[in-house]
């Protein structure tokens, strides 16, 4: 993905800002980074396991989910060229 200039969001003369979104669903964690124009720059998905120890009983590990959030966040940052953690202006989190 070609990144916009730090000082120009889509040619309008405004400084580019970056935002991270994290969505934890029942089957996966999804993380994306977009710029201030709304353009999605990078994303990652990590599957979450669900245990079914008996009929009609399901459980998930909070430790596993948090680990997947951390991994997907790091992977997404690595994919978003020139976007460092310091350049992320905000994080939206949905679980």
C-alpha atoms as a PDB file:
ATOM      1  CA  UNK A   1       0.000   0.000   0.000  1.00  0.00           C
ATOM      2  CA  UNK A   2       1.406   3.394  -0.931  1.00  0.00           C
ATOM      3  CA  UNK A   3       1.416   5.672   2.095  1.00  0.00           C
ATOM      4  CA  UNK A   4       0.474   9.344   1.854  1.00  0.00           C
ATOM      5  CA  UNK A   5       3.005  11.970   2.786  1.00  0.00           C
ATOM      6  CA  UNK A   6       3.148  12.738   6.520  1.00  0.00           C
ATOM      7  CA  UNK A   7       2.223  16.324   5.719  1.00  0.00           C
ATOM      8  CA  UNK A   8      -0.484  15.739   3.144  1.00  0.00           C
ATOM      9  CA  UNK A   9      -3.618  13.605   3.502  1.00  0.00           C
ATOM     10  CA  UNK A  10      -4.797  13.057  -0.034  1.00  0.00           C
ATOM     11  CA  UNK A  11      -3.472  16.325  -1.408  1.00  0.00           C
ATOM     12  CA  UNK A  12      -5.532  18.580   0.850  1.00  0.00           C
ATOM     13  CA  UNK A  13      -2.583  20.065   2.744  1.00  0.00           C
ATOM     14  CA  UNK A  14      -3.599  18.587   6.113  1.00  0.00           C
ATOM     15  CA  UNK A  15      -1.267  16.493   8.227  1.00  0.00           C
ATOM     16  CA  UNK A  16      -1.927  12.754   8.007  1.00  0.00           C
ATOM     17  CA  UNK A  17      -3.062  11.090  11.219  1.00  0.00           C
ATOM     18  CA  UNK A  18      -3.306   7.349  11.828  1.00  0.00           C
ATOM     19  CA  UNK A  19      -5.837   5.335  13.802  1.00  0.00           C
ATOM     20  CA  UNK A  20      -6.007   1.693  14.868  1.00  0.00           C
ATOM     21  CA  UNK A  21      -9.194  -0.303  15.192  1.00  0.00           C
ATOM     22  CA  UNK A  22      -9.397  -3.584  17.117  1.00  0.00           C
ATOM     23  CA  UNK A  23     -12.396  -5.907  16.841  1.00  0.00           C
ATOM     24  CA  UNK A  24     -12.630  -9.027  19.008  1.00  0.00           C
ATOM     25  CA  UNK A  25     -15.296 -11.382  17.772  1.00  0.00           C
ATOM     26  CA  UNK A  26     -16.152 -14.904  18.828  1.00  0.00           C
ATOM     27  CA  UNK A  27     -13.971 -16.428  16.113  1.00  0.00           C
ATOM     28  CA  UNK A  28     -11.151 -13.972  15.552  1.00  0.00           C
ATOM     29  CA  UNK A  29      -9.400 -10.739  16.442  1.00  0.00           C
ATOM     30  CA  UNK A  30      -9.141  -8.214  13.618  1.00  0.00           C
ATOM     31  CA  UNK A  31      -6.906  -5.151  13.673  1.00  0.00           C
ATOM     32  CA  UNK A  32      -6.713  -2.404  11.073  1.00  0.00           C
ATOM     33  CA  UNK A  33      -4.857   0.872  10.644  1.00  0.00           C
ATOM     34  CA  UNK A  34      -6.382   3.687   8.633  1.00  0.00           C
ATOM     35  CA  UNK A  35      -5.360   7.238   7.916  1.00  0.00           C
ATOM     36  CA  UNK A  36      -7.338  10.402   8.575  1.00  0.00           C
ATOM     37  CA  UNK A  37      -8.971  10.138   5.143  1.00  0.00           C
ATOM     38  CA  UNK A  38     -10.432   6.752   6.103  1.00  0.00           C
ATOM     39  CA  UNK A  39      -8.160   4.738   3.830  1.00  0.00           C
ATOM     40  CA  UNK A  40      -7.361   1.287   5.232  1.00  0.00           C
ATOM     41  CA  UNK A  41      -3.575   0.924   5.149  1.00  0.00           C
ATOM     42  CA  UNK A  42      -3.010  -2.483   6.755  1.00  0.00           C
ATOM     43  CA  UNK A  43      -4.881  -5.210   8.609  1.00  0.00           C
ATOM     44  CA  UNK A  44      -4.353  -8.550  10.317  1.00  0.00           C
ATOM     45  CA  UNK A  45      -6.607 -11.350  11.522  1.00  0.00           C
ATOM     46  CA  UNK A  46      -5.869 -13.871  14.266  1.00  0.00           C
ATOM     47  CA  UNK A  47      -8.208 -16.807  14.886  1.00  0.00           C
ATOM     48  CA  UNK A  48      -9.429 -17.514  18.425  1.00  0.00           C
ATOM     49  CA  UNK A  49     -10.016 -21.064  19.596  1.00  0.00           C
ATOM     50  CA  UNK A  50     -13.244 -22.105  21.291  1.00  0.00           C
ATOM     51  CA  UNK A  51     -13.370 -25.100  23.605  1.00  0.00           C
ATOM     52  CA  UNK A  52     -16.501 -27.219  23.819  1.00  0.00           C
ATOM     53  CA  UNK A  53     -15.960 -29.409  26.907  1.00  0.00           C
ATOM     54  CA  UNK A  54     -19.566 -30.626  26.965  1.00  0.00           C
ATOM     55  CA  UNK A  55     -22.820 -30.229  25.051  1.00  0.00           C
ATOM     56  CA  UNK A  56     -24.057 -26.610  24.842  1.00  0.00           C
ATOM     57  CA  UNK A  57     -21.055 -25.297  26.798  1.00  0.00           C
ATOM     58  CA  UNK A  58     -18.409 -23.138  25.142  1.00  0.00           C
ATOM     59  CA  UNK A  59     -15.433 -21.323  26.581  1.00  0.00           C
ATOM     60  CA  UNK A  60     -12.561 -19.148  25.412  1.00  0.00           C
ATOM     61  CA  UNK A  61      -9.327 -18.099  27.087  1.00  0.00           C
ATOM     62  CA  UNK A  62      -8.978 -14.403  27.955  1.00  0.00           C
ATOM     63  CA  UNK A  63      -5.205 -14.887  27.949  1.00  0.00           C
ATOM     64  CA  UNK A  64      -5.333 -16.285  24.407  1.00  0.00           C
ATOM     65  CA  UNK A  65      -7.575 -13.444  23.204  1.00  0.00           C
ATOM     66  CA  UNK A  66      -5.249 -10.789  24.664  1.00  0.00           C
ATOM     67  CA  UNK A  67      -2.251 -12.532  23.105  1.00  0.00           C
ATOM     68  CA  UNK A  68      -4.000 -12.481  19.712  1.00  0.00           C
ATOM     69  CA  UNK A  69      -4.806  -8.765  20.127  1.00  0.00           C
ATOM     70  CA  UNK A  70      -1.129  -8.061  20.804  1.00  0.00           C
ATOM     71  CA  UNK A  71       0.062 -10.206  17.884  1.00  0.00           C
ATOM     72  CA  UNK A  72      -2.424  -8.770  15.383  1.00  0.00           C
ATOM     73  CA  UNK A  73      -1.593  -5.220  16.500  1.00  0.00           C
ATOM     74  CA  UNK A  74       2.150  -5.770  16.052  1.00  0.00           C
ATOM     75  CA  UNK A  75       1.644  -7.526  12.703  1.00  0.00           C
ATOM     76  CA  UNK A  76      -0.567  -4.701  11.447  1.00  0.00           C
ATOM     77  CA  UNK A  77       1.959  -2.053  12.482  1.00  0.00           C
ATOM     78  CA  UNK A  78       4.679  -3.994  10.665  1.00  0.00           C
ATOM     79  CA  UNK A  79       2.563  -4.027   7.488  1.00  0.00           C
ATOM     80  CA  UNK A  80       1.777  -0.287   7.628  1.00  0.00           C
ATOM     81  CA  UNK A  81       4.953   1.230   6.219  1.00  0.00           C
ATOM     82  CA  UNK A  82       6.272   4.276   8.051  1.00  0.00           C
ATOM     83  CA  UNK A  83       3.532   4.099  10.725  1.00  0.00           C
ATOM     84  CA  UNK A  84       5.115   3.761  14.148  1.00  0.00           C
ATOM     85  CA  UNK A  85       3.258   3.343  17.446  1.00  0.00           C
ATOM     86  CA  UNK A  86       4.010   7.001  18.231  1.00  0.00           C
ATOM     87  CA  UNK A  87       2.098   8.080  15.115  1.00  0.00           C
ATOM     88  CA  UNK A  88      -1.129   6.322  16.136  1.00  0.00           C
ATOM     89  CA  UNK A  89      -3.479   9.093  17.338  1.00  0.00           C
ATOM     90  CA  UNK A  90      -6.189   6.839  18.730  1.00  0.00           C
ATOM     91  CA  UNK A  91      -7.341   3.251  19.176  1.00  0.00           C
ATOM     92  CA  UNK A  92     -10.912   2.057  18.882  1.00  0.00           C
ATOM     93  CA  UNK A  93     -11.651  -1.262  20.610  1.00  0.00           C
ATOM     94  CA  UNK A  94     -14.762  -3.413  20.202  1.00  0.00           C
ATOM     95  CA  UNK A  95     -15.270  -6.713  21.978  1.00  0.00           C
END
